[in-house]
Amino acid sequence: MPLKGTIVVNENLCKACELCVVACPQHVISLNKEIITPRGYHPAHLAEEGCTGCGTCALVCPEAAITVYREKRLIQGQEA
């Protein structure tokens, strides 16, 4: 069973550079065309299910606007 994750994008920091969109190995991040930030950008967001919480998007974000959360996996009754 693959890991599940999610991201939270700080819309005040995101400059819509799309580096996270290109870097995402699961292809689940896109720019949210329904929102325009006070700085005039369409921020990144998790557009569909399938995020594994790998963290690649956060690593390439030059503004450190992305926080990644990954679900903990239980192994034989213990957290991994």
N, C-alpha and C. Protein backbone atom coordinates (compact mmCIF):
# COMPACT_ATOMS: atom_id res chain seq x y z
N MET A 1 0.85 -1.17 0.00
CA MET A 1 0.00 0.00 0.00
C MET A 1 0.90 1.25 0.00
N PRO A 2 0.74 2.14 -0.95
CA PRO A 2 1.59 3.34 -1.01
C PRO A 2 1.28 4.29 0.12
N LEU A 3 2.30 5.06 0.49
CA LEU A 3 2.11 6.08 1.52
C LEU A 3 1.15 7.14 1.02
N LYS A 4 0.46 7.78 1.95
CA LYS A 4 -0.43 8.87 1.59
C LYS A 4 0.09 10.14 2.24
N GLY A 5 -0.02 11.22 1.53
CA GLY A 5 0.43 12.49 2.06
C GLY A 5 -0.44 13.62 1.57
N THR A 6 -0.12 14.79 2.03
CA THR A 6 -0.80 15.99 1.58
C THR A 6 0.16 17.16 1.72
N ILE A 7 -0.17 18.26 1.08
CA ILE A 7 0.65 19.46 1.19
C ILE A 7 -0.22 20.63 1.61
N VAL A 8 0.42 21.59 2.25
CA VAL A 8 -0.22 22.86 2.57
C VAL A 8 0.67 23.94 1.98
N VAL A 9 0.08 24.79 1.15
CA VAL A 9 0.83 25.85 0.49
C VAL A 9 0.51 27.18 1.17
N ASN A 10 1.54 27.88 1.61
CA ASN A 10 1.36 29.22 2.16
C ASN A 10 1.16 30.16 0.97
N GLU A 11 -0.08 30.56 0.75
CA GLU A 11 -0.42 31.36 -0.43
C GLU A 11 0.23 32.74 -0.41
N ASN A 12 0.61 33.21 0.77
CA ASN A 12 1.28 34.51 0.86
C ASN A 12 2.73 34.44 0.39
N LEU A 13 3.31 33.24 0.36
CA LEU A 13 4.69 33.07 -0.09
C LEU A 13 4.80 32.55 -1.53
N CYS A 14 3.81 31.78 -1.99
CA CYS A 14 3.87 31.15 -3.31
C CYS A 14 3.88 32.20 -4.42
N LYS A 15 4.86 32.07 -5.34
CA LYS A 15 4.97 32.98 -6.48
C LYS A 15 4.60 32.32 -7.80
N ALA A 16 3.96 31.17 -7.75
CA ALA A 16 3.49 30.47 -8.94
C ALA A 16 4.61 30.16 -9.93
N CYS A 17 5.78 29.82 -9.43
CA CYS A 17 6.92 29.53 -10.32
C CYS A 17 6.77 28.18 -11.02
N GLU A 18 5.91 27.32 -10.52
CA GLU A 18 5.60 26.00 -11.06
C GLU A 18 6.72 24.99 -10.91
N LEU A 19 7.76 25.28 -10.13
CA LEU A 19 8.82 24.29 -9.92
C LEU A 19 8.26 23.05 -9.24
N CYS A 20 7.34 23.23 -8.31
CA CYS A 20 6.74 22.08 -7.62
C CYS A 20 5.87 21.26 -8.57
N VAL A 21 5.19 21.93 -9.48
CA VAL A 21 4.33 21.24 -10.44
C VAL A 21 5.17 20.32 -11.32
N VAL A 22 6.30 20.83 -11.79
CA VAL A 22 7.19 20.06 -12.66
C VAL A 22 7.88 18.94 -11.88
N ALA A 23 8.25 19.19 -10.63
CA ALA A 23 9.02 18.23 -9.84
C ALA A 23 8.19 17.10 -9.25
N CYS A 24 6.90 17.27 -9.12
CA CYS A 24 6.06 16.27 -8.46
C CYS A 24 6.06 14.95 -9.24
N PRO A 25 6.59 13.87 -8.63
CA PRO A 25 6.63 12.59 -9.36
C PRO A 25 5.25 11.97 -9.56
N GLN A 26 4.28 12.40 -8.75
CA GLN A 26 2.92 11.85 -8.88
C GLN A 26 2.03 12.70 -9.78
N HIS A 27 2.51 13.88 -10.16
CA HIS A 27 1.76 14.79 -11.04
C HIS A 27 0.39 15.17 -10.45
N VAL A 28 0.39 15.54 -9.16
CA VAL A 28 -0.87 15.88 -8.50
C VAL A 28 -0.93 17.34 -8.05
N ILE A 29 0.10 18.13 -8.38
CA ILE A 29 0.12 19.54 -8.01
C ILE A 29 -0.11 20.38 -9.25
N SER A 30 -0.90 21.43 -9.11
CA SER A 30 -1.10 22.38 -10.20
C SER A 30 -1.32 23.76 -9.60
N LEU A 31 -1.38 24.77 -10.45
CA LEU A 31 -1.70 26.10 -9.97
C LEU A 31 -3.21 26.23 -9.88
N ASN A 32 -3.67 26.84 -8.81
CA ASN A 32 -5.10 27.01 -8.57
C ASN A 32 -5.58 28.25 -9.32
N LYS A 33 -6.19 28.06 -10.46
CA LYS A 33 -6.64 29.17 -11.30
C LYS A 33 -7.87 29.89 -10.74
N GLU A 34 -8.45 29.35 -9.66
CA GLU A 34 -9.62 29.97 -9.04
C GLU A 34 -9.26 31.00 -7.97
N ILE A 35 -7.98 31.06 -7.62
CA ILE A 35 -7.53 31.98 -6.57
C ILE A 35 -6.42 32.88 -7.11
N ILE A 36 -6.48 34.14 -6.75
CA ILE A 36 -5.38 35.07 -7.02
C ILE A 36 -4.97 35.65 -5.68
N THR A 37 -3.70 35.50 -5.36
CA THR A 37 -3.20 35.99 -4.07
C THR A 37 -3.10 37.51 -4.08
N PRO A 38 -2.92 38.13 -2.92
CA PRO A 38 -2.74 39.59 -2.88
C PRO A 38 -1.54 40.07 -3.71
N ARG A 39 -0.60 39.17 -3.93
CA ARG A 39 0.57 39.52 -4.75
C ARG A 39 0.32 39.29 -6.24
N GLY A 40 -0.86 38.78 -6.59
CA GLY A 40 -1.24 38.61 -7.99
C GLY A 40 -0.88 37.28 -8.62
N TYR A 41 -0.69 36.25 -7.82
CA TYR A 41 -0.31 34.93 -8.35
C TYR A 41 -1.42 33.90 -8.14
N HIS A 42 -1.42 32.89 -8.98
CA HIS A 42 -2.26 31.71 -8.79
C HIS A 42 -1.40 30.73 -7.99
N PRO A 43 -1.71 30.46 -6.73
CA PRO A 43 -0.86 29.59 -5.92
C PRO A 43 -0.98 28.12 -6.28
N ALA A 44 0.07 27.39 -5.95
CA ALA A 44 0.05 25.94 -6.15
C ALA A 44 -0.92 25.31 -5.16
N HIS A 45 -1.44 24.15 -5.52
CA HIS A 45 -2.28 23.39 -4.61
C HIS A 45 -2.30 21.93 -5.03
N LEU A 46 -2.76 21.08 -4.15
CA LEU A 46 -2.89 19.66 -4.44
C LEU A 46 -4.16 19.49 -5.26
N ALA A 47 -4.01 19.22 -6.53
CA ALA A 47 -5.14 19.21 -7.46
C ALA A 47 -5.91 17.89 -7.48
N GLU A 48 -5.25 16.81 -7.09
CA GLU A 48 -5.91 15.53 -7.10
C GLU A 48 -5.28 14.59 -6.09
N GLU A 49 -5.92 13.47 -5.84
CA GLU A 49 -5.40 12.48 -4.90
C GLU A 49 -4.18 11.80 -5.49
N GLY A 50 -3.38 11.23 -4.62
CA GLY A 50 -2.21 10.47 -5.08
C GLY A 50 -0.91 10.96 -4.49
N CYS A 51 -0.96 12.00 -3.67
CA CYS A 51 0.25 12.51 -3.03
C CYS A 51 0.79 11.43 -2.09
N THR A 52 2.09 11.17 -2.15
CA THR A 52 2.73 10.19 -1.27
C THR A 52 3.49 10.86 -0.13
N GLY A 53 3.54 12.18 -0.13
CA GLY A 53 4.26 12.89 0.91
C GLY A 53 5.76 12.79 0.74
N CYS A 54 6.23 12.65 -0.49
CA CYS A 54 7.67 12.45 -0.75
C CYS A 54 8.51 13.67 -0.39
N GLY A 55 7.92 14.86 -0.46
CA GLY A 55 8.63 16.07 -0.08
C GLY A 55 9.39 16.76 -1.19
N THR A 56 9.37 16.22 -2.39
CA THR A 56 10.10 16.82 -3.50
C THR A 56 9.64 18.24 -3.78
N CYS A 57 8.35 18.48 -3.71
CA CYS A 57 7.82 19.82 -3.98
C CYS A 57 8.38 20.84 -2.98
N ALA A 58 8.45 20.46 -1.72
CA ALA A 58 8.97 21.37 -0.70
C ALA A 58 10.46 21.63 -0.90
N LEU A 59 11.18 20.62 -1.36
CA LEU A 59 12.62 20.79 -1.57
C LEU A 59 12.94 21.75 -2.70
N VAL A 60 12.12 21.77 -3.75
CA VAL A 60 12.41 22.64 -4.89
C VAL A 60 11.80 24.02 -4.77
N CYS A 61 10.94 24.23 -3.78
CA CYS A 61 10.26 25.53 -3.64
C CYS A 61 11.25 26.58 -3.14
N PRO A 62 11.54 27.59 -3.97
CA PRO A 62 12.51 28.61 -3.57
C PRO A 62 12.01 29.53 -2.46
N GLU A 63 10.72 29.56 -2.23
CA GLU A 63 10.12 30.42 -1.21
C GLU A 63 9.79 29.67 0.08
N ALA A 64 10.06 28.37 0.13
CA ALA A 64 9.70 27.53 1.28
C ALA A 64 8.23 27.69 1.63
N ALA A 65 7.39 27.69 0.61
CA ALA A 65 5.96 27.92 0.78
C ALA A 65 5.17 26.64 0.99
N ILE A 66 5.83 25.48 0.88
CA ILE A 66 5.10 24.21 0.94
C ILE A 66 5.51 23.41 2.17
N THR A 67 4.50 22.95 2.90
CA THR A 67 4.71 22.04 4.02
C THR A 67 4.09 20.71 3.63
N VAL A 68 4.84 19.63 3.83
CA VAL A 68 4.39 18.30 3.44
C VAL A 68 4.05 17.50 4.69
N TYR A 69 2.94 16.80 4.63
CA TYR A 69 2.52 15.92 5.72
C TYR A 69 2.37 14.52 5.15
N ARG A 70 2.92 13.54 5.89
CA ARG A 70 2.83 12.14 5.45
C ARG A 70 2.16 11.32 6.54
N GLU A 71 1.26 10.45 6.13
CA GLU A 71 0.56 9.56 7.04
C GLU A 71 1.57 8.55 7.62
N LYS A 72 1.48 8.31 8.93
CA LYS A 72 2.36 7.31 9.54
C LYS A 72 1.85 5.92 9.22
N ARG A 73 2.78 5.02 8.99
CA ARG A 73 2.43 3.64 8.66
C ARG A 73 2.64 2.77 9.89
N LEU A 74 1.72 1.86 10.16
CA LEU A 74 1.86 0.94 11.27
C LEU A 74 2.49 -0.36 10.79
N ILE A 75 3.52 -0.79 11.52
CA ILE A 75 4.18 -2.06 11.20
C ILE A 75 4.06 -2.95 12.41
N GLN A 76 3.35 -4.06 12.30
CA GLN A 76 3.13 -5.02 13.36
C GLN A 76 2.71 -4.34 14.66
N GLY A 77 1.76 -3.41 14.56
CA GLY A 77 1.22 -2.76 15.73
C GLY A 77 2.05 -1.60 16.26
N GLN A 78 3.15 -1.25 15.59
CA GLN A 78 3.98 -0.13 16.02
C GLN A 78 4.05 0.90 14.92
N GLU A 79 4.22 2.18 15.30
CA GLU A 79 4.38 3.22 14.30
C GLU A 79 5.75 3.11 13.64
N ALA A 80 5.79 3.39 12.34
CA ALA A 80 7.07 3.35 11.63
C ALA A 80 7.58 4.74 11.42
